[in-house]
Amino acid sequence: MSVRRIVPNIQSGDPEESARFYGLLGLEEVMNHGWIVTFASPSAPTAQVSVMTGDKTGPVIPDMSIEVDDVDAAYAAVRESGAEIVHPLQDEEWGVRRFFVRDPNGRVVNILGHR
C-alpha cells in the first residue's frame, strides 16, 4: 500500500472567504461539493488544502485526509491494530471508498481511495 496524497481539512463557516484567502497564495479550486471545497497548486496538484462546513456522511469533520492506493488493505491494517474506527468503510456517491480512524493523538483521519 502506498500514500498518494495527504490533505489537511479545515473547518470553515465561510468557504467563499477561504477561497479568496487561498487564492492569494495561488491555489485554485479543484473540487467543490458544497460542503467541502479543495484548493490545489496548479504547479504541484497534490499540494492541496480542503475547507469543510461539515461532512456529508461522516459523524465529524476529519482533521486530514490521506489517499491511498488500496483503501481495503489500509482498513484491514487499521482494524487489526485495534485503532478506533470513527466512520466505517463505505463507498460514497462522489466516487471514493473511505473510512475514518482516530490516530494516537486524538485526530480523526479520513483514509480514502478513488473508485
C-alpha atoms as a PDB file:
ATOM      1  CA  MET A   1       0.000   0.000   0.000  1.00  0.00           C
ATOM      2  CA  SER A   2       1.266   3.493  -0.780  1.00  0.00           C
ATOM      3  CA  VAL A   3       0.116   7.019   0.011  1.00  0.00           C
ATOM      4  CA  ARG A   4      -0.874   9.184  -2.935  1.00  0.00           C
ATOM      5  CA  ARG A   5      -1.515  12.481  -1.092  1.00  0.00           C
ATOM      6  CA  ILE A   6      -2.207  13.964   2.311  1.00  0.00           C
ATOM      7  CA  VAL A   7      -4.636  16.872   2.597  1.00  0.00           C
ATOM      8  CA  PRO A   8      -5.329  18.960   5.704  1.00  0.00           C
ATOM      9  CA  ASN A   9      -9.045  19.612   6.295  1.00  0.00           C
ATOM     10  CA  ILE A  10     -10.034  22.943   7.805  1.00  0.00           C
ATOM     11  CA  GLN A  11     -13.468  23.545   9.318  1.00  0.00           C
ATOM     12  CA  SER A  12     -14.981  26.759   7.979  1.00  0.00           C
ATOM     13  CA  GLY A  13     -18.237  28.615   8.269  1.00  0.00           C
ATOM     14  CA  ASP A  14     -17.431  30.647   5.153  1.00  0.00           C
ATOM     15  CA  PRO A  15     -15.896  28.689   2.253  1.00  0.00           C
ATOM     16  CA  GLU A  16     -16.063  31.741  -0.032  1.00  0.00           C
ATOM     17  CA  GLU A  17     -13.841  33.709   2.341  1.00  0.00           C
ATOM     18  CA  SER A  18     -11.453  30.745   2.423  1.00  0.00           C
ATOM     19  CA  ALA A  19     -11.441  30.653  -1.385  1.00  0.00           C
ATOM     20  CA  ARG A  20     -10.412  34.308  -1.513  1.00  0.00           C
ATOM     21  CA  PHE A  21      -7.662  33.724   1.062  1.00  0.00           C
ATOM     22  CA  TYR A  22      -6.175  30.597  -0.542  1.00  0.00           C
ATOM     23  CA  GLY A  23      -6.448  32.279  -3.943  1.00  0.00           C
ATOM     24  CA  LEU A  24      -3.994  34.897  -2.641  1.00  0.00           C
ATOM     25  CA  LEU A  25      -1.483  32.061  -2.328  1.00  0.00           C
ATOM     26  CA  GLY A  26      -2.078  30.900  -5.894  1.00  0.00           C
ATOM     27  CA  LEU A  27      -4.232  27.894  -5.034  1.00  0.00           C
ATOM     28  CA  GLU A  28      -7.156  27.117  -7.336  1.00  0.00           C
ATOM     29  CA  GLU A  29     -10.443  25.368  -6.621  1.00  0.00           C
ATOM     30  CA  VAL A  30     -10.245  21.809  -7.936  1.00  0.00           C
ATOM     31  CA  MET A  31     -13.296  20.275  -6.236  1.00  0.00           C
ATOM     32  CA  ASN A  32     -16.484  21.713  -4.765  1.00  0.00           C
ATOM     33  CA  HIS A  33     -19.283  19.550  -3.348  1.00  0.00           C
ATOM     34  CA  GLY A  34     -20.882  22.416  -1.427  1.00  0.00           C
ATOM     35  CA  TRP A  35     -19.875  21.052   1.977  1.00  0.00           C
ATOM     36  CA  ILE A  36     -16.211  20.538   1.015  1.00  0.00           C
ATOM     37  CA  VAL A  37     -14.039  22.655  -1.275  1.00  0.00           C
ATOM     38  CA  THR A  38     -10.498  21.617  -2.206  1.00  0.00           C
ATOM     39  CA  PHE A  39      -7.835  24.040  -3.399  1.00  0.00           C
ATOM     40  CA  ALA A  40      -4.633  22.919  -5.151  1.00  0.00           C
ATOM     41  CA  SER A  41      -1.448  24.337  -6.534  1.00  0.00           C
ATOM     42  CA  PRO A  42      -1.521  24.480 -10.349  1.00  0.00           C
ATOM     43  CA  SER A  43       2.197  23.607 -10.467  1.00  0.00           C
ATOM     44  CA  ALA A  44       2.051  20.802  -7.860  1.00  0.00           C
ATOM     45  CA  PRO A  45      -1.506  19.372  -7.986  1.00  0.00           C
ATOM     46  CA  THR A  46      -1.095  17.086  -4.959  1.00  0.00           C
ATOM     47  CA  ALA A  47      -0.309  20.132  -2.773  1.00  0.00           C
ATOM     48  CA  GLN A  48      -3.843  20.691  -1.504  1.00  0.00           C
ATOM     49  CA  VAL A  49      -5.980  22.001   1.342  1.00  0.00           C
ATOM     50  CA  SER A  50      -9.690  21.319   1.865  1.00  0.00           C
ATOM     51  CA  VAL A  51     -12.200  23.569   3.613  1.00  0.00           C
ATOM     52  CA  MET A  52     -15.285  21.899   5.077  1.00  0.00           C
ATOM     53  CA  THR A  53     -18.539  23.141   6.557  1.00  0.00           C
ATOM     54  CA  GLY A  54     -19.418  19.582   7.599  1.00  0.00           C
ATOM     55  CA  ASP A  55     -19.127  16.046   6.306  1.00  0.00           C
ATOM     56  CA  LYS A  56     -21.949  14.641   4.190  1.00  0.00           C
ATOM     57  CA  THR A  57     -21.929  11.124   5.679  1.00  0.00           C
ATOM     58  CA  GLY A  58     -19.339  11.184   8.460  1.00  0.00           C
ATOM     59  CA  PRO A  59     -20.074  11.984  12.105  1.00  0.00           C
ATOM     60  CA  VAL A  60     -17.281  14.608  12.374  1.00  0.00           C
ATOM     61  CA  ILE A  61     -15.041  16.742  10.189  1.00  0.00           C
ATOM     62  CA  PRO A  62     -11.790  14.803   9.825  1.00  0.00           C
ATOM     63  CA  ASP A  63      -8.572  16.659  10.594  1.00  0.00           C
ATOM     64  CA  MET A  64      -6.890  15.354   7.460  1.00  0.00           C
ATOM     65  CA  SER A  65      -7.440  13.069   4.509  1.00  0.00           C
ATOM     66  CA  ILE A  66      -4.939  10.501   3.310  1.00  0.00           C
ATOM     67  CA  GLU A  67      -5.465   8.985  -0.129  1.00  0.00           C
ATOM     68  CA  VAL A  68      -4.011   5.502  -0.504  1.00  0.00           C
ATOM     69  CA  ASP A  69      -3.802   3.128  -3.439  1.00  0.00           C
ATOM     70  CA  ASP A  70      -5.549   0.296  -1.539  1.00  0.00           C
ATOM     71  CA  VAL A  71      -8.114   1.517   0.990  1.00  0.00           C
ATOM     72  CA  ASP A  72      -9.265  -2.029   1.786  1.00  0.00           C
ATOM     73  CA  ALA A  73      -5.734  -3.031   2.824  1.00  0.00           C
ATOM     74  CA  ALA A  74      -5.468   0.141   4.922  1.00  0.00           C
ATOM     75  CA  TYR A  75      -8.789  -0.644   6.615  1.00  0.00           C
ATOM     76  CA  ALA A  76      -7.679  -4.203   7.392  1.00  0.00           C
ATOM     77  CA  ALA A  77      -4.380  -2.982   8.874  1.00  0.00           C
ATOM     78  CA  VAL A  78      -6.095  -0.320  10.989  1.00  0.00           C
ATOM     79  CA  ARG A  79      -8.749  -2.743  12.284  1.00  0.00           C
ATOM     80  CA  GLU A  80      -6.102  -5.317  13.147  1.00  0.00           C
ATOM     81  CA  SER A  81      -4.184  -2.666  15.105  1.00  0.00           C
ATOM     82  CA  GLY A  82      -7.182  -2.006  17.341  1.00  0.00           C
ATOM     83  CA  ALA A  83      -7.362   1.695  16.467  1.00  0.00           C
ATOM     84  CA  GLU A  84     -10.772   3.331  16.878  1.00  0.00           C
ATOM     85  CA  ILE A  85     -12.825   3.321  13.677  1.00  0.00           C
ATOM     86  CA  VAL A  86     -14.852   6.558  13.772  1.00  0.00           C
ATOM     87  CA  HIS A  87     -16.723   6.025  10.478  1.00  0.00           C
ATOM     88  CA  PRO A  88     -16.979   2.599   8.807  1.00  0.00           C
ATOM     89  CA  LEU A  89     -15.538   1.696   5.423  1.00  0.00           C
ATOM     90  CA  GLN A  90     -18.060   2.571   2.731  1.00  0.00           C
ATOM     91  CA  ASP A  91     -18.430   3.648  -0.877  1.00  0.00           C
ATOM     92  CA  GLU A  92     -19.522   7.263  -1.264  1.00  0.00           C
ATOM     93  CA  GLU A  93     -21.670   8.664  -4.061  1.00  0.00           C
ATOM     94  CA  TRP A  94     -18.899  11.099  -5.092  1.00  0.00           C
ATOM     95  CA  GLY A  95     -16.611   8.269  -6.187  1.00  0.00           C
ATOM     96  CA  VAL A  96     -14.458   7.423  -3.178  1.00  0.00           C
ATOM     97  CA  ARG A  97     -14.280   4.487  -0.792  1.00  0.00           C
ATOM     98  CA  ARG A  98     -13.315   5.659   2.691  1.00  0.00           C
ATOM     99  CA  PHE A  99     -13.320   5.304   6.449  1.00  0.00           C
ATOM    100  CA  PHE A 100     -12.351   7.499   9.418  1.00  0.00           C
ATOM    101  CA  VAL A 101      -9.920   6.396  12.128  1.00  0.00           C
ATOM    102  CA  ARG A 102      -8.705   8.176  15.267  1.00  0.00           C
ATOM    103  CA  ASP A 103      -4.912   8.450  15.463  1.00  0.00           C
ATOM    104  CA  PRO A 104      -2.981   8.126  18.766  1.00  0.00           C
ATOM    105  CA  ASN A 105      -3.149  11.933  19.196  1.00  0.00           C
ATOM    106  CA  GLY A 106      -6.941  12.008  19.032  1.00  0.00           C
ATOM    107  CA  ARG A 107      -7.047  13.359  15.469  1.00  0.00           C
ATOM    108  CA  VAL A 108      -9.587  11.929  13.059  1.00  0.00           C
ATOM    109  CA  VAL A 109      -8.090  10.816   9.743  1.00  0.00           C
ATOM    110  CA  ASN A 110     -10.163  10.189   6.605  1.00  0.00           C
ATOM    111  CA  ILE A 111      -8.499   7.302   4.734  1.00  0.00           C
ATOM    112  CA  LEU A 112      -9.736   7.100   1.159  1.00  0.00           C
ATOM    113  CA  GLY A 113      -9.212   5.689  -2.286  1.00  0.00           C
ATOM    114  CA  HIS A 114     -10.849   6.678  -5.538  1.00  0.00           C
ATOM    115  CA  ARG A 115     -13.006   4.023  -7.172  1.00  0.00           C
END
